C-alpha atoms as a PDB file:
ATOM      1  CA  MET A   1    -146.072-181.964  11.937  1.00  0.00           C
ATOM      2  CA  LYS A   2    -143.009-179.771  12.380  1.00  0.00           C
ATOM      3  CA  VAL A   3    -140.827-180.051  15.510  1.00  0.00           C
ATOM      4  CA  ILE A   4    -138.022-177.741  16.609  1.00  0.00           C
ATOM      5  CA  GLN A   5    -135.554-178.727  19.360  1.00  0.00           C
ATOM      6  CA  GLY A   6    -132.806-176.817  21.106  1.00  0.00           C
ATOM      7  CA  ASN A   7    -130.726-176.424  24.247  1.00  0.00           C
ATOM      8  CA  ILE A   8    -131.342-172.982  25.735  1.00  0.00           C
ATOM      9  CA  ASP A   9    -128.760-173.191  28.569  1.00  0.00           C
ATOM     10  CA  ARG A  10    -131.297-171.423  30.864  1.00  0.00           C
ATOM     11  CA  GLY A  11    -130.972-168.131  28.933  1.00  0.00           C
ATOM     12  CA  ARG A  12    -133.945-165.761  28.693  1.00  0.00           C
ATOM     13  CA  GLU A  13    -132.838-164.280  25.361  1.00  0.00           C
ATOM     14  CA  ALA A  14    -132.061-167.701  23.912  1.00  0.00           C
ATOM     15  CA  MET A  15    -135.534-168.901  24.865  1.00  0.00           C
ATOM     16  CA  ASP A  16    -137.106-165.807  23.260  1.00  0.00           C
ATOM     17  CA  LEU A  17    -135.094-166.520  20.107  1.00  0.00           C
ATOM     18  CA  MET A  18    -136.265-170.130  20.051  1.00  0.00           C
ATOM     19  CA  TYR A  19    -139.906-169.005  20.310  1.00  0.00           C
ATOM     20  CA  LYS A  20    -139.340-166.542  17.434  1.00  0.00           C
ATOM     21  CA  THR A  21    -137.642-169.223  15.331  1.00  0.00           C
ATOM     22  CA  ALA A  22    -140.508-171.653  16.001  1.00  0.00           C
ATOM     23  CA  GLU A  23    -142.976-168.970  14.929  1.00  0.00           C
ATOM     24  CA  ASP A  24    -141.026-168.148  11.755  1.00  0.00           C
ATOM     25  CA  GLU A  25    -140.689-171.843  10.857  1.00  0.00           C
ATOM     26  CA  ARG A  26    -144.321-172.559  11.812  1.00  0.00           C
ATOM     27  CA  ALA A  27    -143.239-175.347  14.155  1.00  0.00           C
ATOM     28  CA  ASP A  28    -146.071-177.257  15.821  1.00  0.00           C
ATOM     29  CA  ILE A  29    -143.985-178.480  18.769  1.00  0.00           C
ATOM     30  CA  MET A  30    -140.915-177.209  20.607  1.00  0.00           C
ATOM     31  CA  ILE A  31    -138.644-179.463  22.674  1.00  0.00           C
ATOM     32  CA  ILE A  32    -136.469-177.344  24.958  1.00  0.00           C
ATOM     33  CA  SER A  33    -133.475-178.638  26.915  1.00  0.00           C
ATOM     34  CA  GLU A  34    -132.404-176.491  29.872  1.00  0.00           C
ATOM     35  CA  PRO A  35    -135.279-173.991  29.531  1.00  0.00           C
ATOM     36  CA  ASN A  36    -135.216-170.713  31.405  1.00  0.00           C
ATOM     37  CA  ARG A  37    -136.829-171.741  34.692  1.00  0.00           C
ATOM     38  CA  LYS A  38    -138.813-168.541  35.278  1.00  0.00           C
ATOM     39  CA  LYS A  39    -140.275-168.634  31.769  1.00  0.00           C
ATOM     40  CA  ALA A  40    -140.974-172.357  32.044  1.00  0.00           C
ATOM     41  CA  ILE A  41    -142.942-171.883  35.262  1.00  0.00           C
ATOM     42  CA  ARG A  42    -144.945-168.925  33.933  1.00  0.00           C
ATOM     43  CA  GLY A  43    -145.523-170.267  30.425  1.00  0.00           C
ATOM     44  CA  ARG A  44    -147.775-172.974  29.048  1.00  0.00           C
ATOM     45  CA  LEU A  45    -144.983-175.509  29.024  1.00  0.00           C
ATOM     46  CA  HIS A  46    -145.071-179.173  29.905  1.00  0.00           C
ATOM     47  CA  VAL A  47    -141.957-179.645  32.073  1.00  0.00           C
ATOM     48  CA  ASP A  48    -140.141-182.464  33.831  1.00  0.00           C
ATOM     49  CA  LYS A  49    -139.813-182.527  37.615  1.00  0.00           C
ATOM     50  CA  LYS A  50    -136.426-180.766  37.638  1.00  0.00           C
ATOM     51  CA  LEU A  51    -137.306-178.155  34.972  1.00  0.00           C
ATOM     52  CA  ASP A  52    -134.507-179.539  32.776  1.00  0.00           C
ATOM     53  CA  VAL A  53    -136.627-180.278  29.700  1.00  0.00           C
ATOM     54  CA  ALA A  54    -139.868-178.813  28.388  1.00  0.00           C
ATOM     55  CA  LEU A  55    -142.365-179.388  25.591  1.00  0.00           C
ATOM     56  CA  VAL A  56    -144.484-176.670  24.047  1.00  0.00           C
ATOM     57  CA  ILE A  57    -147.451-177.536  21.841  1.00  0.00           C
ATOM     58  CA  ARG A  58    -147.754-174.469  19.620  1.00  0.00           C
ATOM     59  CA  ASN A  59    -150.443-175.809  17.287  1.00  0.00           C
ATOM     60  CA  MET A  60    -153.654-175.512  19.272  1.00  0.00           C
ATOM     61  CA  GLN A  61    -155.372-177.937  16.870  1.00  0.00           C
ATOM     62  CA  GLN A  62    -153.184-180.698  18.335  1.00  0.00           C
ATOM     63  CA  LYS A  63    -155.292-182.128  21.150  1.00  0.00           C
ATOM     64  CA  VAL A  64    -153.335-183.345  24.180  1.00  0.00           C
ATOM     65  CA  ARG A  65    -154.602-186.733  25.381  1.00  0.00           C
ATOM     66  CA  GLY A  66    -152.120-187.275  28.181  1.00  0.00           C
ATOM     67  CA  THR A  67    -148.851-186.150  29.723  1.00  0.00           C
ATOM     68  CA  GLY A  68    -146.257-187.533  32.060  1.00  0.00           C
ATOM     69  CA  SER A  69    -142.890-186.623  33.463  1.00  0.00           C
ATOM     70  CA  GLY A  70    -140.076-187.679  35.739  1.00  0.00           C
ATOM     71  CA  ASP A  71    -136.533-186.606  36.494  1.00  0.00           C
ATOM     72  CA  GLY A  72    -135.136-185.516  33.140  1.00  0.00           C
ATOM     73  CA  TYR A  73    -137.979-186.568  30.849  1.00  0.00           C
ATOM     74  CA  ILE A  74    -141.405-185.407  29.696  1.00  0.00           C
ATOM     75  CA  TRP A  75    -143.922-186.875  27.280  1.00  0.00           C
ATOM     76  CA  VAL A  76    -147.077-185.577  25.691  1.00  0.00           C
ATOM     77  CA  GLU A  77    -149.538-187.857  23.926  1.00  0.00           C
ATOM     78  CA  LEU A  78    -151.369-186.210  21.052  1.00  0.00           C
ATOM     79  CA  GLU A  79    -154.096-187.737  18.885  1.00  0.00           C
ATOM     80  CA  GLU A  80    -151.718-189.327  16.386  1.00  0.00           C
ATOM     81  CA  VAL A  81    -148.309-189.329  18.045  1.00  0.00           C
ATOM     82  CA  ALA A  82    -146.516-189.247  21.393  1.00  0.00           C
ATOM     83  CA  VAL A  83    -143.659-186.760  21.744  1.00  0.00           C
ATOM     84  CA  PHE A  84    -140.840-187.296  24.232  1.00  0.00           C
ATOM     85  CA  GLY A  85    -138.218-184.898  25.506  1.00  0.00           C
ATOM     86  CA  CYS A  86    -135.322-185.961  27.689  1.00  0.00           C
ATOM     87  CA  TYR A  87    -132.243-184.403  29.218  1.00  0.00           C
ATOM     88  CA  ILE A  88    -129.190-185.712  31.029  1.00  0.00           C
ATOM     89  CA  SER A  89    -126.518-183.342  32.221  1.00  0.00           C
ATOM     90  CA  PRO A  90    -123.047-183.840  30.756  1.00  0.00           C
ATOM     91  CA  ASN A  91    -121.827-183.588  34.366  1.00  0.00           C
ATOM     92  CA  VAL A  92    -123.545-186.838  35.409  1.00  0.00           C
ATOM     93  CA  LYS A  93    -121.086-189.648  36.049  1.00  0.00           C
ATOM     94  CA  CYS A  94    -122.266-192.965  34.634  1.00  0.00           C
ATOM     95  CA  LYS A  95    -120.763-196.364  35.265  1.00  0.00           C
ATOM     96  CA  LEU A  96    -120.307-198.572  32.233  1.00  0.00           C
ATOM     97  CA  MET A  97    -120.710-202.286  32.625  1.00  0.00           C
END
């Protein structure tokens, strides 16, 4: 199983390039941080609740058994593996203990 991952920064052209790269590399799965929101809504993407991270199952022979999402994360369970994508903005302020 081949996975490709990238941060698109919401760009349409960057997302098109990632799809082309996944096709050229014969990637089965794409994990996309900051996908283009319009393309994510229209496409066959599994997305989190904020549209900050998306998963694309390109290999149609991979059967999806389940999915789930929340704020900043998405998971897809396939027959042999579960794939997770997550995103946290660099602008989020976190307190350290």
